[in-house]
Structure formats: C-alpha cells, structure tokens
C-alpha atoms as a PDB file:
ATOM      1  CA  MET A   1     165.398  72.342 -24.244  1.00  0.00           C
ATOM      2  CA  ILE A   2     162.487  74.224 -23.823  1.00  0.00           C
ATOM      3  CA  PRO A   3     163.247  77.936 -24.210  1.00  0.00           C
ATOM      4  CA  ALA A   4     161.848  80.046 -20.982  1.00  0.00           C
ATOM      5  CA  GLN A   5     158.860  81.809 -22.954  1.00  0.00           C
ATOM      6  CA  PHE A   6     157.533  78.194 -23.585  1.00  0.00           C
ATOM      7  CA  GLU A   7     157.700  76.673 -20.450  1.00  0.00           C
ATOM      8  CA  HIS A   8     154.140  75.752 -19.088  1.00  0.00           C
ATOM      9  CA  PRO A   9     154.008  77.880 -15.910  1.00  0.00           C
ATOM     10  CA  VAL A  10     154.538  80.783 -18.065  1.00  0.00           C
ATOM     11  CA  ILE A  11     151.615  80.217 -20.542  1.00  0.00           C
ATOM     12  CA  LEU A  12     149.229  78.923 -17.996  1.00  0.00           C
ATOM     13  CA  ASP A  13     149.468  81.698 -15.520  1.00  0.00           C
ATOM     14  CA  GLY A  14     149.590  84.226 -18.141  1.00  0.00           C
ATOM     15  CA  THR A  15     146.332  82.924 -19.816  1.00  0.00           C
ATOM     16  CA  PRO A  16     142.981  83.916 -18.061  1.00  0.00           C
ATOM     17  CA  VAL A  17     140.945  81.118 -16.969  1.00  0.00           C
ATOM     18  CA  GLU A  18     137.436  80.913 -19.149  1.00  0.00           C
ATOM     19  CA  THR A  19     134.996  78.503 -16.949  1.00  0.00           C
ATOM     20  CA  PRO A  20     132.411  76.589 -18.870  1.00  0.00           C
ATOM     21  CA  GLY A  21     129.059  77.359 -17.955  1.00  0.00           C
ATOM     22  CA  CYS A  22     125.330  76.903 -19.591  1.00  0.00           C
ATOM     23  CA  ARG A  23     121.735  78.117 -20.152  1.00  0.00           C
ATOM     24  CA  LEU A  24     118.876  76.582 -21.302  1.00  0.00           C
ATOM     25  CA  LEU A  25     117.981  76.778 -24.987  1.00  0.00           C
ATOM     26  CA  TRP A  26     114.751  74.501 -24.940  1.00  0.00           C
ATOM     27  CA  GLU A  27     113.111  71.750 -23.308  1.00  0.00           C
ATOM     28  CA  ALA A  28     111.066  69.440 -25.083  1.00  0.00           C
ATOM     29  CA  LEU A  29     108.645  66.809 -24.316  1.00  0.00           C
ATOM     30  CA  ILE A  30     108.847  63.668 -27.167  1.00  0.00           C
ATOM     31  CA  GLU A  31     106.349  60.979 -27.783  1.00  0.00           C
ATOM     32  CA  ILE A  32     108.086  57.886 -28.282  1.00  0.00           C
ATOM     33  CA  GLY A  33     106.841  54.103 -29.997  1.00  0.00           C
ATOM     34  CA  PRO A  34     107.414  51.037 -28.657  1.00  0.00           C
ATOM     35  CA  ARG A  35     111.101  49.281 -28.404  1.00  0.00           C
ATOM     36  CA  VAL A  36     111.685  47.331 -31.494  1.00  0.00           C
ATOM     37  CA  GLU A  37     114.892  44.985 -30.636  1.00  0.00           C
ATOM     38  CA  LEU A  38     117.184  44.647 -33.523  1.00  0.00           C
ATOM     39  CA  GLY A  39     119.382  41.585 -32.432  1.00  0.00           C
ATOM     40  CA  ARG A  40     122.920  41.556 -30.821  1.00  0.00           C
ATOM     41  CA  GLY A  41     125.727  42.822 -32.922  1.00  0.00           C
ATOM     42  CA  PRO A  42     129.352  43.232 -32.500  1.00  0.00           C
ATOM     43  CA  HIS A  43     129.268  45.662 -29.879  1.00  0.00           C
ATOM     44  CA  GLY A  44     125.867  44.403 -27.975  1.00  0.00           C
ATOM     45  CA  ASN A  45     122.430  44.605 -27.852  1.00  0.00           C
ATOM     46  CA  ARG A  46     120.444  47.004 -30.567  1.00  0.00           C
ATOM     47  CA  ARG A  47     116.966  48.371 -30.716  1.00  0.00           C
ATOM     48  CA  ARG A  48     115.171  51.355 -32.256  1.00  0.00           C
ATOM     49  CA  ILE A  49     112.438  53.760 -30.921  1.00  0.00           C
ATOM     50  CA  ASP A  50     110.349  55.554 -33.227  1.00  0.00           C
ATOM     51  CA  ILE A  51     109.998  59.357 -32.410  1.00  0.00           C
ATOM     52  CA  LEU A  52     106.187  59.915 -32.911  1.00  0.00           C
ATOM     53  CA  GLY A  53     106.235  63.874 -32.426  1.00  0.00           C
ATOM     54  CA  GLY A  54     105.790  65.924 -29.325  1.00  0.00           C
ATOM     55  CA  SER A  55     106.306  69.857 -28.640  1.00  0.00           C
ATOM     56  CA  PHE A  56     109.256  71.836 -27.346  1.00  0.00           C
ATOM     57  CA  ARG A  57     109.308  75.326 -25.812  1.00  0.00           C
ATOM     58  CA  GLY A  58     112.302  77.922 -25.321  1.00  0.00           C
ATOM     59  CA  GLY A  59     113.884  78.450 -21.904  1.00  0.00           C
ATOM     60  CA  SER A  60     113.642  82.173 -20.243  1.00  0.00           C
ATOM     61  CA  ASP A  61     116.031  83.913 -22.560  1.00  0.00           C
ATOM     62  CA  PHE A  62     114.572  82.004 -25.837  1.00  0.00           C
ATOM     63  CA  PRO A  63     110.725  82.535 -25.559  1.00  0.00           C
ATOM     64  CA  GLN A  64     110.299  82.393 -29.529  1.00  0.00           C
ATOM     65  CA  LEU A  65     112.150  79.207 -29.841  1.00  0.00           C
ATOM     66  CA  ARG A  66     108.917  76.825 -29.444  1.00  0.00           C
ATOM     67  CA  GLY A  67     107.155  74.181 -31.652  1.00  0.00           C
ATOM     68  CA  ARG A  68     106.494  70.779 -32.578  1.00  0.00           C
ATOM     69  CA  VAL A  69     108.458  67.996 -32.686  1.00  0.00           C
ATOM     70  CA  LEU A  70     108.133  66.401 -36.085  1.00  0.00           C
ATOM     71  CA  SER A  71     107.235  62.894 -36.498  1.00  0.00           C
ATOM     72  CA  GLY A  72     109.480  60.509 -38.467  1.00  0.00           C
ATOM     73  CA  GLY A  73     112.342  60.265 -36.394  1.00  0.00           C
ATOM     74  CA  ALA A  74     114.237  57.559 -34.913  1.00  0.00           C
ATOM     75  CA  ASP A  75     116.531  56.758 -31.840  1.00  0.00           C
ATOM     76  CA  ARG A  76     118.953  54.053 -32.432  1.00  0.00           C
ATOM     77  CA  GLN A  77     119.999  52.495 -29.005  1.00  0.00           C
ATOM     78  CA  LEU A  78     123.125  49.992 -28.388  1.00  0.00           C
ATOM     79  CA  ASP A  79     123.271  48.241 -24.995  1.00  0.00           C
ATOM     80  CA  ARG A  80     127.268  48.195 -24.716  1.00  0.00           C
ATOM     81  CA  LEU A  81     129.200  45.507 -23.429  1.00  0.00           C
ATOM     82  CA  ASP A  82     130.983  47.795 -20.627  1.00  0.00           C
ATOM     83  CA  GLY A  83     127.027  48.544 -19.346  1.00  0.00           C
ATOM     84  CA  ALA A  84     126.600  51.920 -20.559  1.00  0.00           C
ATOM     85  CA  ARG A  85     123.835  52.309 -23.225  1.00  0.00           C
ATOM     86  CA  GLU A  86     124.355  54.607 -26.185  1.00  0.00           C
ATOM     87  CA  LEU A  87     121.334  56.546 -27.949  1.00  0.00           C
ATOM     88  CA  ASP A  88     122.042  57.922 -31.780  1.00  0.00           C
ATOM     89  CA  ALA A  89     118.689  60.110 -32.753  1.00  0.00           C
ATOM     90  CA  LEU A  90     117.879  62.071 -35.400  1.00  0.00           C
ATOM     91  CA  TYR A  91     114.725  64.085 -35.574  1.00  0.00           C
ATOM     92  CA  ASP A  92     113.352  67.318 -36.464  1.00  0.00           C
ATOM     93  CA  LEU A  93     112.112  70.474 -34.487  1.00  0.00           C
ATOM     94  CA  GLU A  94     109.671  72.776 -36.574  1.00  0.00           C
ATOM     95  CA  LEU A  95     109.479  76.127 -35.260  1.00  0.00           C
ATOM     96  CA  VAL A  96     106.205  78.421 -34.940  1.00  0.00           C
ATOM     97  CA  ASP A  97     107.944  80.650 -37.522  1.00  0.00           C
ATOM     98  CA  GLY A  98     107.829  77.849 -39.585  1.00  0.00           C
ATOM     99  CA  THR A  99     111.509  76.811 -39.458  1.00  0.00           C
ATOM    100  CA  VAL A 100     112.679  73.350 -39.337  1.00  0.00           C
ATOM    101  CA  LEU A 101     115.935  72.300 -37.353  1.00  0.00           C
ATOM    102  CA  ALA A 102     117.463  68.708 -38.040  1.00  0.00           C
ATOM    103  CA  LEU A 103     118.655  67.362 -34.716  1.00  0.00           C
ATOM    104  CA  ARG A 104     121.330  64.495 -33.973  1.00  0.00           C
ATOM    105  CA  ASN A 105     121.166  63.912 -30.386  1.00  0.00           C
ATOM    106  CA  ARG A 106     123.765  61.285 -29.166  1.00  0.00           C
ATOM    107  CA  VAL A 107     123.477  60.122 -25.648  1.00  0.00           C
ATOM    108  CA  VAL A 108     125.520  58.512 -23.200  1.00  0.00           C
ATOM    109  CA  ILE A 109     123.558  56.448 -20.126  1.00  0.00           C
ATOM    110  CA  ASP A 110     125.268  55.039 -17.258  1.00  0.00           C
ATOM    111  CA  GLU A 111     122.821  53.316 -14.636  1.00  0.00           C
ATOM    112  CA  ARG A 112     124.283  51.362 -11.971  1.00  0.00           C
ATOM    113  CA  PRO A 113     123.043  50.241  -8.972  1.00  0.00           C
ATOM    114  CA  ASP A 114     125.832  51.866  -6.813  1.00  0.00           C
ATOM    115  CA  ALA A 115     126.049  55.142  -8.645  1.00  0.00           C
ATOM    116  CA  PRO A 116     123.618  58.140  -9.755  1.00  0.00           C
ATOM    117  CA  ARG A 117     122.235  57.767 -13.341  1.00  0.00           C
ATOM    118  CA  TYR A 118     124.510  59.469 -15.752  1.00  0.00           C
ATOM    119  CA  ALA A 119     122.485  60.329 -18.705  1.00  0.00           C
ATOM    120  CA  LEU A 120     124.253  63.414 -20.764  1.00  0.00           C
ATOM    121  CA  SER A 121     124.132  64.225 -24.461  1.00  0.00           C
ATOM    122  CA  HIS A 122     125.875  66.185 -27.519  1.00  0.00           C
ATOM    123  CA  ILE A 123     123.028  67.544 -29.584  1.00  0.00           C
ATOM    124  CA  SER A 124     123.857  68.974 -33.210  1.00  0.00           C
ATOM    125  CA  VAL A 125     121.676  71.212 -34.982  1.00  0.00           C
ATOM    126  CA  GLU A 126     121.871  71.659 -38.675  1.00  0.00           C
ATOM    127  CA  ALA A 127     119.675  74.920 -38.837  1.00  0.00           C
ATOM    128  CA  PRO A 128     118.832  76.761 -42.587  1.00  0.00           C
ATOM    129  CA  GLU A 129     120.468  80.449 -42.708  1.00  0.00           C
ATOM    130  CA  GLY A 130     118.350  82.914 -41.000  1.00  0.00           C
ATOM    131  CA  PRO A 131     117.721  84.125 -37.379  1.00  0.00           C
ATOM    132  CA  TRP A 132     118.141  80.241 -36.323  1.00  0.00           C
ATOM    133  CA  ALA A 133     121.555  79.558 -38.076  1.00  0.00           C
ATOM    134  CA  TRP A 134     123.535  80.423 -34.938  1.00  0.00           C
ATOM    135  CA  LEU A 135     122.234  77.089 -33.458  1.00  0.00           C
ATOM    136  CA  SER A 136     124.598  75.175 -35.776  1.00  0.00           C
ATOM    137  CA  ARG A 137     127.401  76.994 -34.225  1.00  0.00           C
ATOM    138  CA  ARG A 138     127.069  76.220 -31.035  1.00  0.00           C
ATOM    139  CA  ILE A 139     127.633  73.217 -28.342  1.00  0.00           C
ATOM    140  CA  ILE A 140     124.698  72.021 -27.096  1.00  0.00           C
ATOM    141  CA  ILE A 141     124.464  69.527 -23.917  1.00  0.00           C
ATOM    142  CA  GLY A 142     121.228  67.888 -23.448  1.00  0.00           C
ATOM    143  CA  THR A 143     119.858  65.802 -20.647  1.00  0.00           C
ATOM    144  CA  LEU A 144     117.245  63.078 -20.993  1.00  0.00           C
ATOM    145  CA  GLN A 145     114.782  61.836 -18.577  1.00  0.00           C
ATOM    146  CA  SER A 146     112.358  58.838 -19.420  1.00  0.00           C
ATOM    147  CA  GLN A 147     108.654  59.498 -18.529  1.00  0.00           C
ATOM    148  CA  ARG A 148     108.081  55.742 -18.819  1.00  0.00           C
ATOM    149  CA  PRO A 149     105.935  53.734 -17.701  1.00  0.00           C
ATOM    150  CA  LYS A 150     103.601  56.698 -16.961  1.00  0.00           C
ATOM    151  CA  HIS A 151     103.704  58.095 -20.607  1.00  0.00           C
ATOM    152  CA  ASP A 152     105.200  56.838 -23.614  1.00  0.00           C
ATOM    153  CA  ALA A 153     107.808  59.812 -23.991  1.00  0.00           C
ATOM    154  CA  VAL A 154     110.851  61.420 -22.993  1.00  0.00           C
ATOM    155  CA  VAL A 155     111.912  64.975 -21.697  1.00  0.00           C
ATOM    156  CA  ILE A 156     115.180  66.541 -23.490  1.00  0.00           C
ATOM    157  CA  ARG A 157     116.471  69.730 -22.355  1.00  0.00           C
ATOM    158  CA  ALA A 158     118.876  71.553 -24.360  1.00  0.00           C
ATOM    159  CA  PHE A 159     121.545  73.972 -22.918  1.00  0.00           C
ATOM    160  CA  GLU A 160     124.310  76.049 -24.743  1.00  0.00           C
ATOM    161  CA  ALA A 161     127.810  75.699 -23.596  1.00  0.00           C
ATOM    162  CA  THR A 162     128.931  79.121 -22.755  1.00  0.00           C
ATOM    163  CA  CYS A 163     132.252  80.473 -21.557  1.00  0.00           C
ATOM    164  CA  ALA A 164     133.078  82.981 -19.350  1.00  0.00           C
ATOM    165  CA  GLN A 165     136.510  84.891 -18.518  1.00  0.00           C
ATOM    166  CA  VAL A 166     136.735  84.369 -14.679  1.00  0.00           C
ATOM    167  CA  SER A 167     140.271  85.955 -14.122  1.00  0.00           C
ATOM    168  CA  GLU A 168     142.856  88.011 -15.625  1.00  0.00           C
ATOM    169  CA  PRO A 169     146.274  86.970 -16.167  1.00  0.00           C
ATOM    170  CA  THR A 170     148.694  87.149 -13.738  1.00  0.00           C
ATOM    171  CA  ALA A 171     151.680  89.344 -13.729  1.00  0.00           C
ATOM    172  CA  GLY A 172     154.986  87.315 -14.964  1.00  0.00           C
END
C-alpha cells in the first residue's frame, strides 16, 4: 500500500506546472552538395550530403550570434522502412568572434500525402569554455526547410527550449 503522502493526485496537485516554450537562437542558410547514394543497409536506404558552407544570424535576443557555416560537414540520411527519414548532420559554425561551435543535428522527417510535413530536430552544441559555453547546456530544437530545387541549400532554424512556471501549487 502506498502511503497517502505519496499518492499521485497529492504530488501532482502540489507541483507547479512548467510549460515548455522556445525562442529563436539562430537561423542558418546552409549550402549543400549533391546526394551521394550509399546503398541499402539493414534499416533502409542510406545517403550522404556534404555541407559546403553558408551563413547564420542570431534571433532578435542574440544579435551577436552570427557568422559562417564551415565547409567539411556532412549529413548522413536514412530512409527508414516505416517511411520516415532520419538525418544525422555534423558541422561547425564559426562566429564572428572566432569561436567555433561543433553541432550535431538529428532530424526526423515524416512526409505523407495525407498529413502535414513533420521535420523537427534535436541540435547538440559543443562550445568551448567562454561566453558561448551555455549553448552546450541547452535543449535546442530545430526546423529544416529544403530550398531545392531553386537553391542547393537548406534553412535551419534553432530554438532554445525554455520553461516557465504557469501555475502555483494548489492548497492540499
């Protein structure tokens, strides 16, 4: 038997609700190379798309977060057997102050004819010690919008996940 002080309604009713939100950290225009097919693996068709460069700018709260996307990164893609596509991109951003941020952007894309396109990612940042180190300690959610066939590029927008307390605990 669970003691009364540990019953779910008591704990849940007495804990403030924290609602996730987000704010734009940066948006990037990333130039990409042609698709290189890597063949079928045990989990689906594989491909690589090289990252050739680009630029990025900070959101309204982060005007100093701007610079260029360095060439040399790559996006590994997997067309999953269930119809979704996974992207795993590794690339670097160089800020105007010379700081280099190493990014890993893991995307899930679900495009079906009977549903809206779903394309969201989790972006991990490895920043050196200094003014940008806090980026390594944040949950960052990304969006991805291809610019093909008009441009060989993608637009990535990165949002810091935030949490705000929206209610006070109820008296129990």
